[in-house]
Structure formats: C-alpha cells, structure tokens
C-alpha cells in the first residue's frame, strides 16, 4: 500500500511535505510509511479518502481496479488522464508541477504488489470444559 500512496502523491504533483500538509499528518509519518518502518493506519486511509474522493479505496488498500473512480475528472482537483493514457502507462503532467516538454511524456510503471499471500485454514481445535478436545483437519 505504501507504493500506491507514493504513486498518488506523485500523480497529484505534490512533494512529501505538501502531501503531508494536505492530509494533516506529520512529514515523519509519511516518511515512516515510505521507508517501510510503519504501516499506513486507518486514519491515513481516511485522510486520503477525504482529501482525494476521486481515488478508489479498493485500489489504495488492495491494488484492485483503477486508481481513479469513474467520473473522477468532475470530482478531482485536476483533470483525469484519458483512459487510453492510463492503459498505455502514461500520465500527462499536472498543471501544478513543473512543465515538461510535450515531446517527452511522463511514463509510469504499473506494478501490482500483493501484500501477503492468501492463507488457508488447515486445522481447527475445539476444547471442551471437561478437558477434552477435538481436532478437525482439512
């Protein structure tokens, strides 16, 4: 999830300081998330959702689907890239960031990270009040 938060920050054309100020969190909190020292809390996710309602929560938390919700261009503070640009992996530069030559589009590599492998239940134990137990295995 830290990579998606970083991707959102860069998509918005913000520095870490600006992004932290927008979310009303300390810069050190974001720094800890980006370096992997700490994990993002529900408060961070809620702050992102409140500040950027055009961002998909499923994408942010689980990496599922597109970053932008449908109709995000009318909700966001900046125009959403065309759908063909998203699939091509290019995102036009933000009007707030430093302009780049139009002949050199920004290229964004899209990588889906899976935070943890899916776990399966292999055994269940039931303990009874008479000191006995049963084991159920798959």
N, C-alpha and C. Protein backbone atom coordinates (compact mmCIF):
# COMPACT_ATOMS: atom_id res chain seq x y z
N UNK A 1 0.83 -1.19 0.00
CA UNK A 1 0.00 0.00 0.00
C UNK A 1 0.88 1.26 0.00
N UNK A 2 2.06 1.17 0.59
CA UNK A 2 2.93 2.34 0.63
C UNK A 2 3.28 2.81 -0.78
N UNK A 3 3.44 1.87 -1.71
CA UNK A 3 3.78 2.25 -3.08
C UNK A 3 2.62 2.97 -3.76
N UNK A 4 1.40 2.56 -3.43
CA UNK A 4 0.23 3.23 -4.03
C UNK A 4 0.05 4.63 -3.44
N UNK A 5 0.34 4.80 -2.16
CA UNK A 5 0.28 6.14 -1.56
C UNK A 5 1.32 7.04 -2.21
N UNK A 6 2.52 6.51 -2.41
CA UNK A 6 3.58 7.28 -3.08
C UNK A 6 3.17 7.61 -4.51
N UNK A 7 2.57 6.64 -5.20
CA UNK A 7 2.12 6.86 -6.58
C UNK A 7 1.06 7.96 -6.62
N UNK A 8 0.14 7.97 -5.65
CA UNK A 8 -0.88 9.01 -5.58
C UNK A 8 -0.24 10.38 -5.34
N UNK A 9 0.73 10.43 -4.45
CA UNK A 9 1.41 11.70 -4.16
C UNK A 9 2.05 12.25 -5.43
N UNK A 10 2.75 11.40 -6.17
CA UNK A 10 3.40 11.84 -7.41
C UNK A 10 2.37 12.19 -8.47
N UNK A 11 1.27 11.45 -8.53
CA UNK A 11 0.21 11.74 -9.50
C UNK A 11 -0.38 13.13 -9.25
N UNK A 12 -0.50 13.49 -7.97
CA UNK A 12 -1.04 14.80 -7.62
C UNK A 12 -0.01 15.91 -7.82
N UNK A 13 1.24 15.53 -8.12
CA UNK A 13 2.28 16.52 -8.35
C UNK A 13 2.71 17.21 -7.07
N UNK A 14 2.68 16.49 -5.95
CA UNK A 14 3.00 17.07 -4.66
C UNK A 14 4.32 16.53 -4.13
N UNK A 15 4.98 17.36 -3.35
CA UNK A 15 6.15 16.90 -2.61
C UNK A 15 5.63 16.18 -1.36
N UNK A 16 6.53 15.51 -0.67
CA UNK A 16 6.13 14.80 0.55
C UNK A 16 5.60 15.80 1.59
N UNK A 17 6.22 16.96 1.66
CA UNK A 17 5.80 17.99 2.61
C UNK A 17 4.39 18.49 2.27
N UNK A 18 4.13 18.76 0.99
CA UNK A 18 2.81 19.24 0.56
C UNK A 18 1.74 18.17 0.80
N UNK A 19 2.10 16.92 0.48
CA UNK A 19 1.16 15.82 0.65
C UNK A 19 0.80 15.64 2.12
N UNK A 20 1.81 15.70 3.00
CA UNK A 20 1.57 15.56 4.44
C UNK A 20 0.68 16.70 4.94
N UNK A 21 0.93 17.92 4.48
CA UNK A 21 0.12 19.06 4.88
C UNK A 21 -1.32 18.91 4.42
N UNK A 22 -1.50 18.40 3.20
CA UNK A 22 -2.84 18.21 2.67
C UNK A 22 -3.61 17.19 3.51
N UNK A 23 -2.92 16.12 3.93
CA UNK A 23 -3.57 15.08 4.73
C UNK A 23 -3.64 15.43 6.22
N UNK A 24 -3.00 16.54 6.62
CA UNK A 24 -2.93 16.96 8.02
C UNK A 24 -2.24 15.90 8.88
N UNK A 25 -1.13 15.38 8.36
CA UNK A 25 -0.30 14.44 9.12
C UNK A 25 1.14 14.97 9.12
N UNK A 26 1.92 14.47 10.05
CA UNK A 26 3.32 14.89 10.13
C UNK A 26 4.12 14.31 8.97
N UNK A 27 5.13 15.06 8.53
CA UNK A 27 6.00 14.55 7.46
C UNK A 27 6.66 13.25 7.87
N UNK A 28 7.01 13.14 9.15
CA UNK A 28 7.64 11.92 9.65
C UNK A 28 6.75 10.70 9.52
N UNK A 29 5.45 10.91 9.62
CA UNK A 29 4.50 9.81 9.45
C UNK A 29 4.59 9.26 8.04
N UNK A 30 4.58 10.16 7.05
CA UNK A 30 4.71 9.72 5.66
C UNK A 30 6.07 9.11 5.40
N UNK A 31 7.10 9.70 5.96
CA UNK A 31 8.45 9.17 5.77
C UNK A 31 8.54 7.75 6.31
N UNK A 32 7.96 7.51 7.46
CA UNK A 32 7.95 6.16 8.04
C UNK A 32 7.21 5.17 7.17
N UNK A 33 6.12 5.61 6.56
CA UNK A 33 5.36 4.73 5.66
C UNK A 33 6.18 4.42 4.42
N UNK A 34 6.78 5.46 3.81
CA UNK A 34 7.52 5.26 2.57
C UNK A 34 8.79 4.43 2.76
N UNK A 35 9.41 4.51 3.92
CA UNK A 35 10.61 3.71 4.16
C UNK A 35 10.28 2.31 4.67
N UNK A 36 9.01 2.06 5.02
CA UNK A 36 8.61 0.74 5.48
C UNK A 36 8.74 0.54 6.98
N UNK A 37 9.12 1.59 7.72
CA UNK A 37 9.22 1.47 9.18
C UNK A 37 7.86 1.28 9.82
N UNK A 38 6.84 1.96 9.28
CA UNK A 38 5.49 1.85 9.82
C UNK A 38 4.52 1.54 8.69
N UNK A 39 3.39 0.98 9.07
CA UNK A 39 2.35 0.70 8.09
C UNK A 39 1.30 1.81 8.12
N UNK A 40 0.66 2.06 6.99
CA UNK A 40 -0.40 3.08 6.98
C UNK A 40 -1.56 2.67 7.89
N UNK A 41 -2.06 3.61 8.66
CA UNK A 41 -3.17 3.34 9.57
C UNK A 41 -4.50 3.67 8.88
N UNK A 42 -5.58 3.32 9.55
CA UNK A 42 -6.90 3.67 9.03
C UNK A 42 -7.07 5.19 8.96
N UNK A 43 -6.44 5.91 9.88
CA UNK A 43 -6.52 7.38 9.85
C UNK A 43 -5.91 7.94 8.57
N UNK A 44 -4.81 7.35 8.13
CA UNK A 44 -4.17 7.80 6.88
C UNK A 44 -5.09 7.53 5.70
N UNK A 45 -5.66 6.32 5.66
CA UNK A 45 -6.57 5.96 4.56
C UNK A 45 -7.78 6.89 4.56
N UNK A 46 -8.33 7.18 5.73
CA UNK A 46 -9.48 8.09 5.82
C UNK A 46 -9.10 9.49 5.36
N UNK A 47 -7.92 9.96 5.76
CA UNK A 47 -7.47 11.29 5.34
C UNK A 47 -7.32 11.36 3.82
N UNK A 48 -6.75 10.32 3.23
CA UNK A 48 -6.61 10.28 1.77
C UNK A 48 -7.98 10.29 1.11
N UNK A 49 -8.91 9.50 1.66
CA UNK A 49 -10.25 9.43 1.08
C UNK A 49 -10.97 10.78 1.17
N UNK A 50 -10.79 11.49 2.28
CA UNK A 50 -11.44 12.79 2.43
C UNK A 50 -10.82 13.85 1.52
N UNK A 51 -9.50 13.82 1.39
CA UNK A 51 -8.81 14.83 0.57
C UNK A 51 -8.88 14.53 -0.92
N UNK A 52 -8.96 13.25 -1.28
CA UNK A 52 -8.97 12.85 -2.68
C UNK A 52 -10.11 11.86 -2.91
N UNK A 53 -11.36 12.36 -2.90
CA UNK A 53 -12.51 11.44 -3.04
C UNK A 53 -12.58 10.76 -4.41
N UNK A 54 -11.81 11.23 -5.37
CA UNK A 54 -11.81 10.64 -6.71
C UNK A 54 -10.90 9.41 -6.80
N UNK A 55 -10.21 9.07 -5.71
CA UNK A 55 -9.31 7.92 -5.69
C UNK A 55 -10.08 6.71 -5.15
N UNK A 56 -9.94 5.58 -5.81
CA UNK A 56 -10.62 4.35 -5.40
C UNK A 56 -9.98 3.79 -4.14
N UNK A 57 -10.81 3.52 -3.14
CA UNK A 57 -10.33 2.93 -1.89
C UNK A 57 -9.85 1.51 -2.14
N UNK A 58 -10.53 0.75 -3.00
CA UNK A 58 -10.08 -0.62 -3.32
C UNK A 58 -8.70 -0.60 -3.94
N UNK A 59 -8.45 0.37 -4.80
CA UNK A 59 -7.12 0.47 -5.40
C UNK A 59 -6.09 0.83 -4.33
N UNK A 60 -6.44 1.80 -3.50
CA UNK A 60 -5.50 2.27 -2.49
C UNK A 60 -5.13 1.16 -1.50
N UNK A 61 -6.11 0.46 -1.00
CA UNK A 61 -5.85 -0.53 0.04
C UNK A 61 -5.39 -1.88 -0.50
N UNK A 62 -5.95 -2.31 -1.63
CA UNK A 62 -5.69 -3.67 -2.11
C UNK A 62 -5.04 -3.75 -3.48
N UNK A 63 -4.92 -2.62 -4.18
CA UNK A 63 -4.33 -2.63 -5.51
C UNK A 63 -5.28 -3.17 -6.56
N UNK A 64 -6.57 -3.18 -6.26
CA UNK A 64 -7.57 -3.72 -7.20
C UNK A 64 -8.21 -2.59 -8.01
N UNK A 65 -8.34 -2.81 -9.30
CA UNK A 65 -9.01 -1.85 -10.15
C UNK A 65 -8.12 -0.67 -10.51
N UNK A 66 -8.77 0.41 -10.99
CA UNK A 66 -8.07 1.61 -11.41
C UNK A 66 -7.91 2.56 -10.23
N UNK A 67 -6.91 3.43 -10.32
CA UNK A 67 -6.67 4.42 -9.28
C UNK A 67 -7.84 5.40 -9.18
N UNK A 68 -8.35 5.84 -10.31
CA UNK A 68 -9.41 6.84 -10.33
C UNK A 68 -10.77 6.19 -10.45
N UNK A 69 -11.74 6.74 -9.72
CA UNK A 69 -13.11 6.28 -9.83
C UNK A 69 -13.70 6.79 -11.14
N UNK A 70 -14.77 6.16 -11.62
CA UNK A 70 -15.45 6.64 -12.81
C UNK A 70 -15.98 8.04 -12.57
N UNK A 71 -15.81 8.92 -13.53
CA UNK A 71 -16.26 10.30 -13.41
C UNK A 71 -15.37 11.13 -12.51
N UNK A 72 -14.13 10.70 -12.32
CA UNK A 72 -13.23 11.38 -11.40
C UNK A 72 -12.84 12.77 -11.87
N UNK A 73 -12.93 13.03 -13.17
CA UNK A 73 -12.50 14.35 -13.66
C UNK A 73 -13.39 15.46 -13.13
N UNK A 74 -14.66 15.15 -12.83
CA UNK A 74 -15.55 16.17 -12.30
C UNK A 74 -15.40 16.33 -10.80
N UNK A 75 -14.81 15.31 -10.12
CA UNK A 75 -14.67 15.36 -8.67
C UNK A 75 -13.30 15.82 -8.24
N UNK A 76 -12.27 15.52 -9.02
CA UNK A 76 -10.89 15.79 -8.62
C UNK A 76 -10.51 17.24 -8.80
N UNK A 77 -9.35 17.58 -8.27
CA UNK A 77 -8.87 18.95 -8.41
C UNK A 77 -8.15 19.15 -9.72
N UNK A 78 -7.80 18.07 -10.38
CA UNK A 78 -7.15 18.19 -11.68
C UNK A 78 -7.84 17.25 -12.65
N UNK A 79 -7.69 17.51 -13.92
CA UNK A 79 -8.33 16.68 -14.92
C UNK A 79 -7.71 15.29 -14.91
N UNK A 80 -8.57 14.28 -15.02
CA UNK A 80 -8.07 12.92 -15.06
C UNK A 80 -7.49 12.63 -16.43
N UNK A 81 -6.47 11.78 -16.50
CA UNK A 81 -5.93 11.43 -17.79
C UNK A 81 -6.95 10.64 -18.59
N UNK A 82 -6.82 10.72 -19.90
CA UNK A 82 -7.72 9.94 -20.73
C UNK A 82 -7.51 8.46 -20.45
N UNK A 83 -8.57 7.68 -20.66
CA UNK A 83 -8.49 6.26 -20.34
C UNK A 83 -7.41 5.57 -21.16
N UNK A 84 -7.22 5.97 -22.39
CA UNK A 84 -6.18 5.35 -23.21
C UNK A 84 -4.80 5.63 -22.63
N UNK A 85 -4.61 6.81 -22.01
CA UNK A 85 -3.34 7.13 -21.38
C UNK A 85 -3.08 6.24 -20.17
N UNK A 86 -4.12 5.94 -19.40
CA UNK A 86 -3.94 5.07 -18.24
C UNK A 86 -3.49 3.68 -18.67
N UNK A 87 -4.09 3.17 -19.72
CA UNK A 87 -3.73 1.83 -20.16
C UNK A 87 -2.36 1.81 -20.83
N UNK A 88 -1.96 2.90 -21.41
CA UNK A 88 -0.65 2.96 -22.05
C UNK A 88 0.44 3.18 -21.02
N UNK A 89 0.07 3.52 -19.79
CA UNK A 89 1.06 3.73 -18.74
C UNK A 89 1.61 5.13 -18.71
N UNK A 90 0.99 6.08 -19.46
CA UNK A 90 1.47 7.45 -19.44
C UNK A 90 0.44 8.31 -18.74
N UNK A 91 0.91 9.31 -18.03
CA UNK A 91 0.03 10.25 -17.36
C UNK A 91 0.51 11.63 -17.74
N UNK A 92 -0.40 12.48 -18.22
CA UNK A 92 0.02 13.82 -18.60
C UNK A 92 0.48 14.59 -17.37
N UNK A 93 1.42 15.51 -17.53
CA UNK A 93 1.92 16.26 -16.37
C UNK A 93 0.83 17.13 -15.76
N UNK A 94 0.91 17.31 -14.46
CA UNK A 94 -0.04 18.14 -13.74
C UNK A 94 0.25 19.61 -14.04
N UNK A 95 -0.79 20.42 -14.04
CA UNK A 95 -0.58 21.85 -14.28
C UNK A 95 0.12 22.51 -13.10
N UNK A 96 0.07 21.85 -11.91
CA UNK A 96 0.70 22.41 -10.73
C UNK A 96 2.19 22.10 -10.67
N UNK A 97 2.62 21.05 -11.34
CA UNK A 97 4.03 20.67 -11.28
C UNK A 97 4.81 21.41 -12.35
N UNK A 98 6.12 21.25 -12.32
CA UNK A 98 6.96 21.89 -13.33
C UNK A 98 6.64 21.33 -14.70
N UNK A 99 6.45 22.17 -15.68
CA UNK A 99 6.11 21.68 -17.01
C UNK A 99 7.28 20.92 -17.64
N UNK A 100 6.95 19.87 -18.38
CA UNK A 100 7.95 19.11 -19.10
C UNK A 100 7.67 19.25 -20.58
N UNK A 101 8.64 19.06 -21.42
CA UNK A 101 8.40 19.17 -22.86
C UNK A 101 7.33 18.17 -23.29
N UNK A 102 6.44 18.61 -24.17
CA UNK A 102 5.34 17.75 -24.59
C UNK A 102 5.83 16.56 -25.40
N UNK A 103 7.05 16.63 -25.93
CA UNK A 103 7.58 15.52 -26.71
C UNK A 103 8.07 14.39 -25.82
N UNK A 104 8.21 14.63 -24.51
CA UNK A 104 8.68 13.61 -23.58
C UNK A 104 7.62 13.35 -22.51
N UNK A 105 6.64 12.48 -22.80
CA UNK A 105 5.58 12.23 -21.81
C UNK A 105 6.14 11.50 -20.59
N UNK A 106 5.51 11.74 -19.45
CA UNK A 106 5.89 11.02 -18.24
C UNK A 106 5.39 9.59 -18.35
N UNK A 107 6.24 8.66 -18.01
CA UNK A 107 5.86 7.25 -18.08
C UNK A 107 5.83 6.71 -16.67
N UNK A 108 4.76 6.02 -16.37
CA UNK A 108 4.57 5.48 -15.04
C UNK A 108 4.45 3.97 -15.15
N UNK A 109 5.31 3.27 -14.46
CA UNK A 109 5.27 1.81 -14.48
C UNK A 109 4.23 1.35 -13.48
N UNK A 110 3.31 0.50 -13.93
CA UNK A 110 2.25 0.00 -13.07
C UNK A 110 2.62 -1.41 -12.63
N UNK A 111 2.77 -1.58 -11.33
CA UNK A 111 3.11 -2.87 -10.76
C UNK A 111 2.12 -3.16 -9.65
N UNK A 112 1.52 -4.33 -9.69
CA UNK A 112 0.58 -4.72 -8.64
C UNK A 112 1.34 -5.50 -7.59
N UNK A 113 1.34 -4.97 -6.36
CA UNK A 113 2.01 -5.64 -5.26
C UNK A 113 0.97 -6.38 -4.42
N UNK A 114 1.30 -7.57 -4.07
CA UNK A 114 0.44 -8.34 -3.19
C UNK A 114 1.10 -8.31 -1.82
N UNK A 115 0.40 -7.72 -0.86
CA UNK A 115 0.99 -7.51 0.46
C UNK A 115 1.28 -8.82 1.19
N UNK A 116 0.35 -9.75 1.17
CA UNK A 116 0.53 -11.02 1.85
C UNK A 116 -0.10 -12.13 1.02
N UNK A 117 0.50 -13.32 1.02
CA UNK A 117 -0.16 -14.43 0.32
C UNK A 117 -1.43 -14.83 1.06
N UNK A 118 -2.40 -15.32 0.31
CA UNK A 118 -3.66 -15.73 0.90
C UNK A 118 -3.43 -16.96 1.77
N UNK A 119 -4.00 -16.94 2.98
CA UNK A 119 -3.84 -18.05 3.90
C UNK A 119 -5.07 -18.95 3.85
N UNK A 120 -4.86 -20.22 4.18
CA UNK A 120 -5.95 -21.20 4.23
C UNK A 120 -5.95 -21.86 5.60
N UNK A 121 -7.13 -22.17 6.11
CA UNK A 121 -7.25 -22.86 7.38
C UNK A 121 -6.90 -24.33 7.16
N UNK A 122 -5.98 -24.86 7.97
CA UNK A 122 -5.57 -26.26 7.84
C UNK A 122 -6.03 -27.11 9.01
N UNK A 123 -6.30 -26.46 10.17
CA UNK A 123 -6.68 -27.23 11.34
C UNK A 123 -7.49 -26.36 12.29
N UNK A 124 -8.52 -26.96 12.91
CA UNK A 124 -9.33 -26.29 13.92
C UNK A 124 -9.39 -27.21 15.13
N UNK A 125 -9.15 -26.65 16.32
CA UNK A 125 -9.24 -27.43 17.55
C UNK A 125 -10.34 -26.84 18.42
N UNK A 126 -11.17 -27.74 18.99
CA UNK A 126 -12.25 -27.34 19.87
C UNK A 126 -11.97 -27.94 21.24
N UNK A 127 -11.88 -27.08 22.25
CA UNK A 127 -11.63 -27.52 23.61
C UNK A 127 -12.94 -27.51 24.39
N UNK A 128 -13.20 -28.60 25.12
CA UNK A 128 -14.42 -28.72 25.90
C UNK A 128 -14.11 -28.49 27.38
N UNK A 129 -15.16 -28.18 28.15
CA UNK A 129 -14.97 -27.85 29.57
C UNK A 129 -14.57 -29.07 30.42
N UNK A 130 -14.69 -30.30 29.86
CA UNK A 130 -14.28 -31.48 30.62
C UNK A 130 -12.80 -31.83 30.37
N UNK A 131 -12.05 -30.92 29.70
CA UNK A 131 -10.62 -31.12 29.48
C UNK A 131 -10.30 -31.87 28.21
N UNK A 132 -11.29 -32.25 27.43
CA UNK A 132 -11.02 -32.96 26.17
C UNK A 132 -11.05 -31.96 25.03
N UNK A 133 -10.58 -32.42 23.88
CA UNK A 133 -10.62 -31.57 22.69
C UNK A 133 -10.75 -32.44 21.44
N UNK A 134 -11.19 -31.79 20.36
CA UNK A 134 -11.28 -32.45 19.05
C UNK A 134 -10.48 -31.62 18.06
N UNK A 135 -9.86 -32.31 17.12
CA UNK A 135 -9.10 -31.64 16.07
C UNK A 135 -9.73 -31.93 14.73
N UNK A 136 -9.97 -30.91 13.96
CA UNK A 136 -10.54 -31.03 12.61
C UNK A 136 -9.50 -30.54 11.64
N UNK A 137 -9.09 -31.41 10.71
CA UNK A 137 -8.08 -31.05 9.71
C UNK A 137 -8.68 -31.12 8.32
N UNK A 138 -8.14 -30.29 7.44
CA UNK A 138 -8.65 -30.30 6.06
C UNK A 138 -7.89 -31.28 5.22
